Structure formats: C-alpha cells, structure tokens
Amino acid sequence: MSQLLSGEYECKLDPKGRLVLPAKVKANLPEASGSQLVLVRGFEPCLVLYPRAAWRVIHEKVMALDEFNEEYRQFQRNFFRGMTEVELDSIGRFMLPRTMLRYSGIEKEAIIVGLGNRCEIWDPDRYDDFLIKDQQSFSKLAQKFLTTEPGPGGPLAA
C-alpha cells in the first residue's frame, strides 16, 4: 500500500536557502525514494516536490508526447524547465535553488502542503491567495468531483 503525503506545515528557510522537510512528510516518503526527491515549478506560483517513483510516472507521461508537435514541445520545455533533483541531508534539509525561490516568491517562510503523490511548497501569502475563500464554491467543487452517482457523472462513479 502506498503512503500518502498529507498535511499542511509552516516552515522557515535557513540563511542558506535550505528547508527542513517536516518529520511527518519525511516519514511518509516511499522507502525507494530514500533521500532523493525531484523539485519542479508548479503550474501556479509554487514549487512541487515529488518522490522519485511518483516523478517517474509524471516524467513518462510528459515524455510520451509527440516531439514533432509544436504545442507538445512547448509544454515539455516549460514543464521540465528548472527541474532539479534534491537530496535530503542527515537532518532532512534540502536546498531550494535561487531561481526556484524567485519563481515561487518564497523568501524566509514557506508552507508545505501534502497532496498525495507530491508536496507543494508555497510562499504563505501566495498560498492564501490561491485558496477558495467561499465555502459554497468549495462545496460545489466537492459535489462536482466527488459524486458517487453511477455512469458518466464523475470520476468516482461506479
């Protein structure tokens, strides 16, 4: 059974730009990943941290796109831009490259959010800007995406 990355954690960067991965997140990394993770730019202004096994699945999907299609090439180029492998040190710290810090707006503090197969790393103010503030809107999304009606009603339909 695969372990899921979950939770929301407030963290501080040290003066060298390193972030300590919260112990609960580190404990839920697949053993095969060990201390090696992959860091990429998110679609929103955040960073995304993948265990190696989860990254391999995403990497294969993106690489399977037809390189002779200009739109696919543009996507691949932008998706892989700045991708870097990071390694946790003995206390669970890893370096956030300066280009990634600029992209995400992270300076001294960060929020790490576990999302199953990956973690997002956000500047706290930007993270708040991207959260749904209206509970009714959130409820409508839940109804849309988590419907259990049979047929083509939704992703969890029987």
Protein backbone atom coordinates (compact mmCIF):
# COMPACT_ATOMS: atom_id res chain seq x y z
CA MET A 1 0.00 0.00 0.00
CA SER A 2 1.43 3.38 -0.96
CA GLN A 3 1.83 6.04 1.67
CA LEU A 4 0.22 9.40 1.05
CA LEU A 5 1.83 12.76 1.59
CA SER A 6 -0.65 14.88 3.51
CA GLY A 7 -0.95 17.79 5.88
CA GLU A 8 -0.05 21.46 5.87
CA TYR A 9 3.16 22.62 7.54
CA GLU A 10 4.64 26.05 8.21
CA CYS A 11 8.41 26.08 7.73
CA LYS A 12 11.29 28.55 7.78
CA LEU A 13 14.22 28.65 5.37
CA ASP A 14 17.67 28.84 6.91
CA PRO A 15 20.05 31.65 5.79
CA LYS A 16 21.49 29.37 3.06
CA GLY A 17 18.07 28.79 1.45
CA ARG A 18 17.57 25.30 2.84
CA LEU A 19 14.25 23.96 4.02
CA VAL A 20 13.77 21.16 6.54
CA LEU A 21 11.21 18.63 5.35
CA PRO A 22 8.72 18.11 8.21
CA ALA A 23 9.21 14.78 10.00
CA LYS A 24 5.68 13.58 9.16
CA VAL A 25 6.25 14.24 5.45
CA LYS A 26 9.67 12.57 5.54
CA ALA A 27 8.19 9.53 7.32
CA ASN A 28 5.62 9.09 4.52
CA LEU A 29 8.12 9.17 1.66
CA PRO A 30 8.36 5.81 -0.09
CA GLU A 31 11.45 3.94 1.08
CA ALA A 32 12.59 3.53 -2.54
CA SER A 33 12.90 7.32 -2.82
CA GLY A 34 15.32 7.41 0.06
CA SER A 35 16.67 10.91 0.38
CA GLN A 36 16.34 11.78 -3.33
CA LEU A 37 13.45 13.92 -4.49
CA VAL A 38 12.60 15.93 -7.60
CA LEU A 39 11.73 19.64 -7.41
CA VAL A 40 9.86 21.40 -10.25
CA ARG A 41 7.97 24.64 -10.83
CA GLY A 42 4.25 24.30 -10.22
CA PHE A 43 1.54 25.43 -12.62
CA GLU A 44 0.65 28.06 -10.01
CA PRO A 45 3.47 30.15 -8.46
CA CYS A 46 4.65 27.38 -6.15
CA LEU A 47 7.20 24.57 -6.18
CA VAL A 48 6.30 20.89 -6.38
CA LEU A 49 8.34 18.19 -4.67
CA TYR A 50 7.94 14.62 -5.89
CA PRO A 51 9.33 11.36 -4.52
CA ARG A 52 11.35 9.73 -7.34
CA ALA A 53 8.77 6.99 -8.03
CA ALA A 54 5.90 9.49 -8.38
CA TRP A 55 8.08 11.73 -10.56
CA ARG A 56 8.91 8.80 -12.86
CA VAL A 57 5.18 8.33 -13.63
CA ILE A 58 4.74 12.04 -14.48
CA HIS A 59 8.00 12.15 -16.45
CA GLU A 60 6.95 9.20 -18.61
CA LYS A 61 3.58 10.83 -19.42
CA VAL A 62 5.22 14.09 -20.48
CA MET A 63 7.97 12.35 -22.47
CA ALA A 64 5.35 10.25 -24.30
CA LEU A 65 4.03 13.40 -26.00
CA ASP A 66 4.87 13.67 -29.70
CA GLU A 67 8.05 15.73 -30.06
CA PHE A 68 7.04 16.67 -33.61
CA ASN A 69 4.02 18.59 -32.32
CA GLU A 70 4.99 22.20 -31.54
CA GLU A 71 2.44 22.60 -28.72
CA TYR A 72 3.70 19.42 -27.01
CA ARG A 73 7.31 20.61 -27.31
CA GLN A 74 6.39 23.93 -25.73
CA PHE A 75 4.70 22.13 -22.88
CA GLN A 76 7.66 19.78 -22.35
CA ARG A 77 10.14 22.68 -22.43
CA ASN A 78 8.20 24.67 -19.85
CA PHE A 79 7.33 21.67 -17.70
CA PHE A 80 10.92 20.48 -17.36
CA ARG A 81 12.37 23.99 -17.05
CA GLY A 82 14.35 24.25 -13.86
CA MET A 83 13.62 20.66 -12.79
CA THR A 84 16.22 19.66 -10.25
CA GLU A 85 16.97 16.61 -8.16
CA VAL A 86 17.40 17.40 -4.49
CA GLU A 87 18.82 15.26 -1.76
CA LEU A 88 17.90 15.40 1.90
CA ASP A 89 20.84 15.77 4.25
CA SER A 90 21.11 13.88 7.55
CA ILE A 91 18.57 16.16 9.26
CA GLY A 92 16.11 16.25 6.35
CA ARG A 93 17.12 19.60 4.83
CA PHE A 94 17.32 20.33 1.12
CA MET A 95 18.42 23.33 -0.89
CA LEU A 96 15.90 25.45 -2.79
CA PRO A 97 17.71 26.91 -5.84
CA ARG A 98 17.55 30.71 -6.15
CA THR A 99 15.72 30.52 -9.49
CA MET A 100 13.01 28.42 -7.81
CA LEU A 101 12.79 30.83 -4.87
CA ARG A 102 12.28 33.75 -7.28
CA TYR A 103 9.62 31.86 -9.25
CA SER A 104 7.65 30.97 -6.11
CA GLY A 105 8.21 34.22 -4.22
CA ILE A 106 9.44 32.26 -1.21
CA GLU A 107 11.79 34.28 0.95
CA LYS A 108 12.04 33.30 4.62
CA GLU A 109 8.92 31.26 5.28
CA ALA A 110 7.12 28.54 3.36
CA ILE A 111 4.06 26.35 3.62
CA ILE A 112 4.43 22.71 2.60
CA VAL A 113 1.17 21.05 1.56
CA GLY A 114 0.98 17.28 1.10
CA LEU A 115 -1.16 16.32 -1.91
CA GLY A 116 -0.97 12.54 -2.05
CA ASN A 117 1.84 11.78 -4.50
CA ARG A 118 3.57 15.16 -4.10
CA CYS A 119 4.03 18.23 -1.92
CA GLU A 120 3.56 21.83 -2.95
CA ILE A 121 5.82 24.47 -1.40
CA TRP A 122 4.28 27.95 -1.23
CA ASP A 123 5.04 31.44 -0.09
CA PRO A 124 2.44 31.83 2.72
CA ASP A 125 0.80 34.95 1.22
CA ARG A 126 0.56 33.49 -2.27
CA TYR A 127 -0.82 30.24 -0.88
CA ASP A 128 -3.60 32.13 0.86
CA ASP A 129 -4.42 33.93 -2.41
CA PHE A 130 -4.95 30.59 -4.20
CA LEU A 131 -7.24 29.01 -1.60
CA ILE A 132 -11.00 29.00 -2.10
CA LYS A 133 -12.43 31.53 0.36
CA ASP A 134 -16.12 30.88 -0.34
CA GLN A 135 -17.32 27.64 1.27
CA GLN A 136 -20.24 27.41 -1.15
CA SER A 137 -17.82 27.36 -4.11
CA PHE A 138 -15.77 24.69 -2.36
CA SER A 139 -18.91 22.66 -1.71
CA LYS A 140 -19.90 22.86 -5.40
CA LEU A 141 -16.45 21.59 -6.43
CA ALA A 142 -16.73 18.72 -3.97
CA GLN A 143 -20.11 17.80 -5.42
CA LYS A 144 -18.75 18.02 -8.97
CA PHE A 145 -15.61 15.96 -8.38
CA LEU A 146 -16.70 13.52 -5.69
CA THR A 147 -20.08 12.42 -6.96
CA THR A 148 -20.82 8.74 -6.46
CA GLU A 149 -23.64 8.51 -8.97
CA PRO A 150 -23.18 5.63 -11.44
CA GLY A 151 -22.41 6.39 -15.06
CA PRO A 152 -20.55 9.31 -16.55
CA GLY A 153 -21.44 11.55 -13.58
CA GLY A 154 -17.93 11.95 -12.26
CA PRO A 155 -14.51 10.50 -11.64
CA LEU A 156 -15.65 8.34 -8.71
CA ALA A 157 -18.68 6.97 -10.49
CA ALA A 158 -19.05 3.18 -10.35
